[in-house]
Structures are given as C-alpha cells and as structure tokens.
Amino acid sequence: MGLFLLVEVTRKLDISKGVLLYYKKWVISYFTHQSHVYLNSKDENKEEKQSVLKEGFTIIELIMVMVIIGILSALAIPRIDSFNTIRLAGGANKLIADIRYIQQLAVAQHTNTRIIFNISQDYYVAEQLNKTTGIWKEVSDPFTRAPLIMNYKTDPQYAGIDIVEANFGGLSELQFNWQGSPSNGGIVRLALRDNQRRVKVLSGTGTVELE
C-alpha cells in the first residue's frame, strides 16, 4: 500500500485540492495498479490544509470563471446603459411637460410664470406671480396638487440626473409673460453618467424642443 501526498492525489484523480478537501470527513480510496491512496481527515498538518484552501481552484477553473464573468458583464453593461438612456429621456420629458404647463398657466391666469433652476442642487421649482400682491408663489402640480418641484437627487424615478446647465439670457430661470412668450430663449442640459439631453426653448414663440 502506497501513501501519497495531497498534490499527488489531486493529480491522479484529476480534481482540484479544494474539491478533495471538501470530502475530508471521509477516507477516500483510489485503486490503481493495486495501490491504495488514503486521505485522512485527521491529518495534523494544518499548514498543508490551509495552503489547500488557498489553492482550491485549478487554473482551468479560474479561466472558466473569468470567461463566465466576462460574458455576464458584456450582457449587463448594454442593459444598464439602455436603462440610463430611458431614465434620462424620462427626466427630460418631465421637464418639457412642466415648461408647457406653466406656459399655458400664464395664458390662462393672465399672469407671469417662471421655473427657477438650482444647478448645484439639481432641482427646479415653478412659480407664478400674484397680480394683486406682486409676490411670486409656488405653482401646484396639476396631478398631485403639491408644489410643482422636481428634485432629481431625491425623486426615485429620475434619481441620478444632473442639471448641468440652465441658461436663459444669462439667468438660470425661464419666465413666461401672460401671452405665453418667454422673456428669453435658452436651454437646459441634463446628464446621467455619459448620456446628455438638451431641452431648448425658442425665443418669441416659446416652442419647447428636445435635442
């Protein structure tokens, strides 16, 4: 009967040391050319067991793991990028809807309305001018009746979108008069990771375009 080291056993069985160690509770017998190989789970050589734990994968197994991870990454990255594109487009369309709403509100209420953009905090708020007091007050969202405020940092649907630029004649606010015409045309540029969209408001007509 011959006694072999773990390295020799794994080579003869063509398995990794980690797999062999998994069966350390049992005595494994391997018969070849009338010889026996024994792996005793009570082996007192702790340093050898620790080295086996660290070397639990063969190079083939590591290569296969790396290949699988590469395939999964190749499939996941385009999906993540598509998701970001959809989210950014949704945030831009939300802004367009809010701009058109306050434009229509200015005409309906025969007063001035505006959207103020806070670039550093990534949010905007809609307001309208009280004709009696001359004080600006918050506009109510037509659906929720809450103040019309969009915070891209905290909103769960559009979280992660940045307001990179908001420029209307050098100001970071878009204002409409009672005729629905903007004081100045301009753009708002939104970004999410490597994707960007521009919302453009034309001077004179106040037409809103998505670029």
C-alpha atoms as a PDB file:
ATOM      1  CA  MET A   1       0.000   0.000   0.000  1.00  0.00           C
ATOM      2  CA  GLY A   2       1.404   3.375  -1.009  1.00  0.00           C
ATOM      3  CA  LEU A   3       0.763   6.678   0.757  1.00  0.00           C
ATOM      4  CA  PHE A   4       0.639   9.783  -1.428  1.00  0.00           C
ATOM      5  CA  LEU A   5       0.655  13.487  -0.673  1.00  0.00           C
ATOM      6  CA  LEU A   6      -2.405  15.639  -1.434  1.00  0.00           C
ATOM      7  CA  VAL A   7      -0.701  17.021  -4.504  1.00  0.00           C
ATOM      8  CA  GLU A   8      -0.204  13.534  -5.880  1.00  0.00           C
ATOM      9  CA  VAL A   9      -3.783  12.537  -5.081  1.00  0.00           C
ATOM     10  CA  THR A  10      -5.277  15.509  -6.879  1.00  0.00           C
ATOM     11  CA  ARG A  11      -3.097  14.834  -9.884  1.00  0.00           C
ATOM     12  CA  LYS A  12      -4.135  11.199 -10.063  1.00  0.00           C
ATOM     13  CA  LEU A  13      -7.842  11.942  -9.545  1.00  0.00           C
ATOM     14  CA  ASP A  14      -7.683  14.960 -11.875  1.00  0.00           C
ATOM     15  CA  ILE A  15      -9.572  17.216  -9.439  1.00  0.00           C
ATOM     16  CA  SER A  16      -8.691  20.356  -7.506  1.00  0.00           C
ATOM     17  CA  LYS A  17      -7.369  20.333  -3.971  1.00  0.00           C
ATOM     18  CA  GLY A  18     -10.422  22.273  -2.821  1.00  0.00           C
ATOM     19  CA  VAL A  19     -12.732  19.549  -4.122  1.00  0.00           C
ATOM     20  CA  LEU A  20     -10.616  16.883  -2.456  1.00  0.00           C
ATOM     21  CA  LEU A  21     -10.615  18.761   0.835  1.00  0.00           C
ATOM     22  CA  TYR A  22     -14.405  19.003   0.665  1.00  0.00           C
ATOM     23  CA  TYR A  23     -14.521  15.256   1.307  1.00  0.00           C
ATOM     24  CA  LYS A  24     -12.142  15.401   4.257  1.00  0.00           C
ATOM     25  CA  LYS A  25     -14.744  13.811   6.540  1.00  0.00           C
ATOM     26  CA  TRP A  26     -14.377  10.537   4.700  1.00  0.00           C
ATOM     27  CA  VAL A  27     -11.464   8.320   3.790  1.00  0.00           C
ATOM     28  CA  ILE A  28     -11.081   8.226   0.028  1.00  0.00           C
ATOM     29  CA  SER A  29      -9.676   5.122  -1.540  1.00  0.00           C
ATOM     30  CA  TYR A  30      -8.284   5.228  -5.019  1.00  0.00           C
ATOM     31  CA  PHE A  31      -7.188   1.998  -6.631  1.00  0.00           C
ATOM     32  CA  THR A  32      -4.711   1.997  -9.467  1.00  0.00           C
ATOM     33  CA  HIS A  33      -2.258  -0.743 -10.270  1.00  0.00           C
ATOM     34  CA  GLN A  34      -3.140  -2.482  -6.983  1.00  0.00           C
ATOM     35  CA  SER A  35      -2.081   0.558  -4.948  1.00  0.00           C
ATOM     36  CA  HIS A  36      -4.191   2.469  -2.417  1.00  0.00           C
ATOM     37  CA  VAL A  37      -4.311   6.191  -1.754  1.00  0.00           C
ATOM     38  CA  TYR A  38      -5.687   7.418   1.564  1.00  0.00           C
ATOM     39  CA  LEU A  39      -6.602  10.902   2.668  1.00  0.00           C
ATOM     40  CA  ASN A  40      -7.088  11.000   6.425  1.00  0.00           C
ATOM     41  CA  SER A  41      -9.373  13.810   7.679  1.00  0.00           C
ATOM     42  CA  LYS A  42      -7.464  13.840  10.970  1.00  0.00           C
ATOM     43  CA  ASP A  43      -4.258  14.858   9.329  1.00  0.00           C
ATOM     44  CA  GLU A  44      -2.378  17.077  11.777  1.00  0.00           C
ATOM     45  CA  ASN A  45      -0.582  19.021   9.081  1.00  0.00           C
ATOM     46  CA  LYS A  46      -2.670  22.248   9.415  1.00  0.00           C
ATOM     47  CA  GLU A  47      -0.320  24.330   7.309  1.00  0.00           C
ATOM     48  CA  GLU A  48      -0.847  21.999   4.358  1.00  0.00           C
ATOM     49  CA  LYS A  49      -4.639  22.213   4.750  1.00  0.00           C
ATOM     50  CA  GLN A  50      -4.503  25.993   4.848  1.00  0.00           C
ATOM     51  CA  SER A  51      -2.452  26.050   1.665  1.00  0.00           C
ATOM     52  CA  VAL A  52      -5.007  23.737   0.059  1.00  0.00           C
ATOM     53  CA  LEU A  53      -7.804  26.117   0.973  1.00  0.00           C
ATOM     54  CA  LYS A  54      -5.977  28.947  -0.725  1.00  0.00           C
ATOM     55  CA  GLU A  55      -5.383  26.812  -3.832  1.00  0.00           C
ATOM     56  CA  GLY A  56      -8.913  25.457  -4.174  1.00  0.00           C
ATOM     57  CA  PHE A  57      -9.221  26.217  -7.892  1.00  0.00           C
ATOM     58  CA  THR A  58      -7.248  24.893 -10.784  1.00  0.00           C
ATOM     59  CA  ILE A  59      -6.077  27.271 -13.476  1.00  0.00           C
ATOM     60  CA  ILE A  60      -8.716  25.818 -15.830  1.00  0.00           C
ATOM     61  CA  GLU A  61     -11.447  26.526 -13.303  1.00  0.00           C
ATOM     62  CA  LEU A  62     -10.214  30.098 -12.837  1.00  0.00           C
ATOM     63  CA  ILE A  63     -10.183  30.644 -16.583  1.00  0.00           C
ATOM     64  CA  MET A  64     -13.731  29.339 -16.864  1.00  0.00           C
ATOM     65  CA  VAL A  65     -14.901  31.654 -14.055  1.00  0.00           C
ATOM     66  CA  MET A  66     -13.250  34.627 -15.750  1.00  0.00           C
ATOM     67  CA  VAL A  67     -14.894  33.720 -19.067  1.00  0.00           C
ATOM     68  CA  ILE A  68     -18.335  33.469 -17.449  1.00  0.00           C
ATOM     69  CA  ILE A  69     -17.877  36.806 -15.656  1.00  0.00           C
ATOM     70  CA  GLY A  70     -16.815  38.401 -18.933  1.00  0.00           C
ATOM     71  CA  ILE A  71     -19.903  37.086 -20.726  1.00  0.00           C
ATOM     72  CA  LEU A  72     -22.216  38.291 -17.967  1.00  0.00           C
ATOM     73  CA  SER A  73     -20.555  41.715 -17.960  1.00  0.00           C
ATOM     74  CA  ALA A  74     -20.923  42.017 -21.718  1.00  0.00           C
ATOM     75  CA  LEU A  75     -24.628  41.285 -21.394  1.00  0.00           C
ATOM     76  CA  ALA A  76     -25.229  43.524 -18.356  1.00  0.00           C
ATOM     77  CA  ILE A  77     -23.405  46.713 -19.393  1.00  0.00           C
ATOM     78  CA  PRO A  78     -25.543  47.448 -22.507  1.00  0.00           C
ATOM     79  CA  ARG A  79     -28.693  46.895 -20.453  1.00  0.00           C
ATOM     80  CA  ILE A  80     -27.515  49.321 -17.769  1.00  0.00           C
ATOM     81  CA  ASP A  81     -26.653  51.905 -20.427  1.00  0.00           C
ATOM     82  CA  SER A  82     -30.090  51.491 -22.034  1.00  0.00           C
ATOM     83  CA  PHE A  83     -31.724  51.918 -18.645  1.00  0.00           C
ATOM     84  CA  ASN A  84     -29.823  55.162 -18.056  1.00  0.00           C
ATOM     85  CA  THR A  85     -30.841  56.440 -21.502  1.00  0.00           C
ATOM     86  CA  ILE A  86     -34.509  55.733 -20.778  1.00  0.00           C
ATOM     87  CA  ARG A  87     -34.317  57.363 -17.350  1.00  0.00           C
ATOM     88  CA  LEU A  88     -32.658  60.490 -18.749  1.00  0.00           C
ATOM     89  CA  ALA A  89     -35.248  60.757 -21.534  1.00  0.00           C
ATOM     90  CA  GLY A  90     -37.992  60.454 -18.925  1.00  0.00           C
ATOM     91  CA  GLY A  91     -36.469  63.256 -16.856  1.00  0.00           C
ATOM     92  CA  ALA A  92     -36.196  65.491 -19.919  1.00  0.00           C
ATOM     93  CA  ASN A  93     -39.798  64.798 -20.940  1.00  0.00           C
ATOM     94  CA  LYS A  94     -40.952  65.603 -17.415  1.00  0.00           C
ATOM     95  CA  LEU A  95     -39.209  68.965 -17.654  1.00  0.00           C
ATOM     96  CA  ILE A  96     -40.793  69.662 -21.052  1.00  0.00           C
ATOM     97  CA  ALA A  97     -44.243  68.865 -19.669  1.00  0.00           C
ATOM     98  CA  ASP A  98     -43.699  71.222 -16.732  1.00  0.00           C
ATOM     99  CA  ILE A  99     -42.480  74.036 -19.002  1.00  0.00           C
ATOM    100  CA  ARG A 100     -45.508  73.714 -21.254  1.00  0.00           C
ATOM    101  CA  TYR A 101     -47.802  73.601 -18.242  1.00  0.00           C
ATOM    102  CA  ILE A 102     -46.574  76.887 -16.743  1.00  0.00           C
ATOM    103  CA  GLN A 103     -46.650  78.438 -20.214  1.00  0.00           C
ATOM    104  CA  GLN A 104     -50.326  77.520 -20.543  1.00  0.00           C
ATOM    105  CA  LEU A 105     -50.955  78.610 -16.953  1.00  0.00           C
ATOM    106  CA  ALA A 106     -49.559  82.069 -17.706  1.00  0.00           C
ATOM    107  CA  VAL A 107     -52.049  82.487 -20.537  1.00  0.00           C
ATOM    108  CA  ALA A 108     -54.967  81.025 -18.582  1.00  0.00           C
ATOM    109  CA  GLN A 109     -54.310  83.082 -15.438  1.00  0.00           C
ATOM    110  CA  HIS A 110     -53.270  86.153 -17.424  1.00  0.00           C
ATOM    111  CA  THR A 111     -50.131  86.490 -15.315  1.00  0.00           C
ATOM    112  CA  ASN A 112     -46.409  85.738 -15.372  1.00  0.00           C
ATOM    113  CA  THR A 113     -44.984  82.335 -14.540  1.00  0.00           C
ATOM    114  CA  ARG A 114     -41.451  81.009 -14.200  1.00  0.00           C
ATOM    115  CA  ILE A 115     -39.261  77.995 -13.473  1.00  0.00           C
ATOM    116  CA  ILE A 116     -36.191  78.566 -11.329  1.00  0.00           C
ATOM    117  CA  PHE A 117     -33.339  76.065 -11.759  1.00  0.00           C
ATOM    118  CA  ASN A 118     -30.898  75.254  -8.951  1.00  0.00           C
ATOM    119  CA  ILE A 119     -27.950  73.704 -10.755  1.00  0.00           C
ATOM    120  CA  SER A 120     -25.881  72.901  -7.670  1.00  0.00           C
ATOM    121  CA  GLN A 121     -28.744  71.006  -6.000  1.00  0.00           C
ATOM    122  CA  ASP A 122     -30.236  69.540  -9.206  1.00  0.00           C
ATOM    123  CA  TYR A 123     -33.807  70.693  -8.744  1.00  0.00           C
ATOM    124  CA  TYR A 124     -36.252  73.224 -10.170  1.00  0.00           C
ATOM    125  CA  VAL A 125     -39.396  74.893  -8.849  1.00  0.00           C
ATOM    126  CA  ALA A 126     -42.329  76.510 -10.687  1.00  0.00           C
ATOM    127  CA  GLU A 127     -43.844  79.797  -9.541  1.00  0.00           C
ATOM    128  CA  GLN A 128     -46.488  82.277 -10.685  1.00  0.00           C
ATOM    129  CA  LEU A 129     -46.887  85.979  -9.986  1.00  0.00           C
ATOM    130  CA  ASN A 130     -49.769  87.091  -7.816  1.00  0.00           C
ATOM    131  CA  LYS A 131     -51.187  90.074  -9.728  1.00  0.00           C
ATOM    132  CA  THR A 132     -52.666  91.612  -6.587  1.00  0.00           C
ATOM    133  CA  THR A 133     -49.691  91.426  -4.226  1.00  0.00           C
ATOM    134  CA  GLY A 134     -46.915  91.295  -6.796  1.00  0.00           C
ATOM    135  CA  ILE A 135     -45.393  88.339  -4.914  1.00  0.00           C
ATOM    136  CA  TRP A 136     -44.241  85.122  -6.524  1.00  0.00           C
ATOM    137  CA  LYS A 137     -45.902  81.978  -5.166  1.00  0.00           C
ATOM    138  CA  GLU A 138     -45.469  78.264  -5.831  1.00  0.00           C
ATOM    139  CA  VAL A 139     -47.425  76.611  -8.626  1.00  0.00           C
ATOM    140  CA  SER A 140     -49.373  73.476  -7.740  1.00  0.00           C
ATOM    141  CA  ASP A 141     -48.741  70.265  -9.649  1.00  0.00           C
ATOM    142  CA  PRO A 142     -51.856  69.589 -11.781  1.00  0.00           C
ATOM    143  CA  PHE A 143     -51.869  65.910 -10.762  1.00  0.00           C
ATOM    144  CA  THR A 144     -50.751  65.801  -7.119  1.00  0.00           C
ATOM    145  CA  ARG A 145     -51.791  69.357  -6.132  1.00  0.00           C
ATOM    146  CA  ALA A 146     -48.477  69.562  -4.240  1.00  0.00           C
ATOM    147  CA  PRO A 147     -45.977  72.325  -5.068  1.00  0.00           C
ATOM    148  CA  LEU A 148     -44.522  71.776  -8.523  1.00  0.00           C
ATOM    149  CA  ILE A 149     -40.939  70.946  -7.573  1.00  0.00           C
ATOM    150  CA  MET A 150     -38.701  68.398  -9.276  1.00  0.00           C
ATOM    151  CA  ASN A 151     -35.656  67.266  -7.319  1.00  0.00           C
ATOM    152  CA  TYR A 152     -33.568  64.947  -9.464  1.00  0.00           C
ATOM    153  CA  LYS A 153     -31.478  63.934  -6.442  1.00  0.00           C
ATOM    154  CA  THR A 154     -34.349  62.566  -4.373  1.00  0.00           C
ATOM    155  CA  ASP A 155     -37.003  61.589  -6.905  1.00  0.00           C
ATOM    156  CA  PRO A 156     -36.986  57.755  -7.142  1.00  0.00           C
ATOM    157  CA  GLN A 157     -37.958  57.760 -10.813  1.00  0.00           C
ATOM    158  CA  TYR A 158     -35.240  60.144 -12.003  1.00  0.00           C
ATOM    159  CA  ALA A 159     -32.557  59.802  -9.314  1.00  0.00           C
ATOM    160  CA  GLY A 160     -29.030  60.412 -10.591  1.00  0.00           C
ATOM    161  CA  ILE A 161     -29.879  63.010 -13.235  1.00  0.00           C
ATOM    162  CA  ASP A 162     -27.791  66.182 -13.040  1.00  0.00           C
ATOM    163  CA  ILE A 163     -28.780  69.655 -14.183  1.00  0.00           C
ATOM    164  CA  VAL A 164     -25.543  70.557 -15.928  1.00  0.00           C
ATOM    165  CA  GLU A 165     -26.671  73.869 -17.416  1.00  0.00           C
ATOM    166  CA  ALA A 166     -29.677  76.195 -17.356  1.00  0.00           C
ATOM    167  CA  ASN A 167     -29.168  79.377 -19.325  1.00  0.00           C
ATOM    168  CA  PHE A 168     -31.893  81.814 -20.385  1.00  0.00           C
ATOM    169  CA  GLY A 169     -30.320  85.116 -21.328  1.00  0.00           C
ATOM    170  CA  GLY A 170     -27.627  84.623 -18.688  1.00  0.00           C
ATOM    171  CA  LEU A 171     -30.154  83.679 -15.972  1.00  0.00           C
ATOM    172  CA  SER A 172     -30.960  80.262 -14.524  1.00  0.00           C
ATOM    173  CA  GLU A 173     -34.707  80.852 -14.737  1.00  0.00           C
ATOM    174  CA  LEU A 174     -37.251  80.600 -17.526  1.00  0.00           C
ATOM    175  CA  GLN A 175     -40.084  83.152 -17.376  1.00  0.00           C
ATOM    176  CA  PHE A 176     -43.275  83.474 -19.458  1.00  0.00           C
ATOM    177  CA  ASN A 177     -45.477  86.562 -19.720  1.00  0.00           C
ATOM    178  CA  TRP A 178     -49.285  86.495 -19.845  1.00  0.00           C
ATOM    179  CA  GLN A 179     -49.136  85.867 -23.590  1.00  0.00           C
ATOM    180  CA  GLY A 180     -47.074  82.705 -23.127  1.00  0.00           C
ATOM    181  CA  SER A 181     -43.914  84.216 -24.585  1.00  0.00           C
ATOM    182  CA  PRO A 182     -40.584  83.652 -22.795  1.00  0.00           C
ATOM    183  CA  SER A 183     -38.534  86.613 -21.607  1.00  0.00           C
ATOM    184  CA  ASN A 184     -35.516  84.861 -23.101  1.00  0.00           C
ATOM    185  CA  GLY A 185     -34.987  81.696 -25.047  1.00  0.00           C
ATOM    186  CA  GLY A 186     -32.403  79.244 -23.829  1.00  0.00           C
ATOM    187  CA  ILE A 187     -31.525  75.686 -22.921  1.00  0.00           C
ATOM    188  CA  VAL A 188     -31.451  73.248 -20.034  1.00  0.00           C
ATOM    189  CA  ARG A 189     -28.867  70.490 -20.278  1.00  0.00           C
ATOM    190  CA  LEU A 190     -29.425  67.287 -18.309  1.00  0.00           C
ATOM    191  CA  ALA A 191     -26.899  64.482 -17.829  1.00  0.00           C
ATOM    192  CA  LEU A 192     -26.849  60.945 -16.470  1.00  0.00           C
ATOM    193  CA  ARG A 193     -23.431  59.317 -16.496  1.00  0.00           C
ATOM    194  CA  ASP A 194     -22.201  59.532 -20.113  1.00  0.00           C
ATOM    195  CA  ASN A 195     -25.589  60.472 -21.588  1.00  0.00           C
ATOM    196  CA  GLN A 196     -26.867  64.031 -22.092  1.00  0.00           C
ATOM    197  CA  ARG A 197     -30.094  65.609 -23.373  1.00  0.00           C
ATOM    198  CA  ARG A 198     -30.890  69.267 -24.075  1.00  0.00           C
ATOM    199  CA  VAL A 199     -34.247  70.935 -23.659  1.00  0.00           C
ATOM    200  CA  LYS A 200     -34.420  74.059 -25.827  1.00  0.00           C
ATOM    201  CA  VAL A 201     -36.963  76.873 -25.520  1.00  0.00           C
ATOM    202  CA  LEU A 202     -37.177  79.140 -28.562  1.00  0.00           C
ATOM    203  CA  SER A 203     -37.377  82.865 -28.008  1.00  0.00           C
ATOM    204  CA  GLY A 204     -40.506  84.639 -29.213  1.00  0.00           C
ATOM    205  CA  THR A 205     -42.800  81.621 -29.633  1.00  0.00           C
ATOM    206  CA  GLY A 206     -41.722  79.658 -26.557  1.00  0.00           C
ATOM    207  CA  THR A 207     -41.688  76.411 -28.502  1.00  0.00           C
ATOM    208  CA  VAL A 208     -40.024  73.620 -26.492  1.00  0.00           C
ATOM    209  CA  GLU A 209     -37.768  71.107 -28.232  1.00  0.00           C
ATOM    210  CA  LEU A 210     -35.855  68.049 -27.053  1.00  0.00           C
ATOM    211  CA  GLU A 211     -32.381  67.630 -28.524  1.00  0.00           C
END
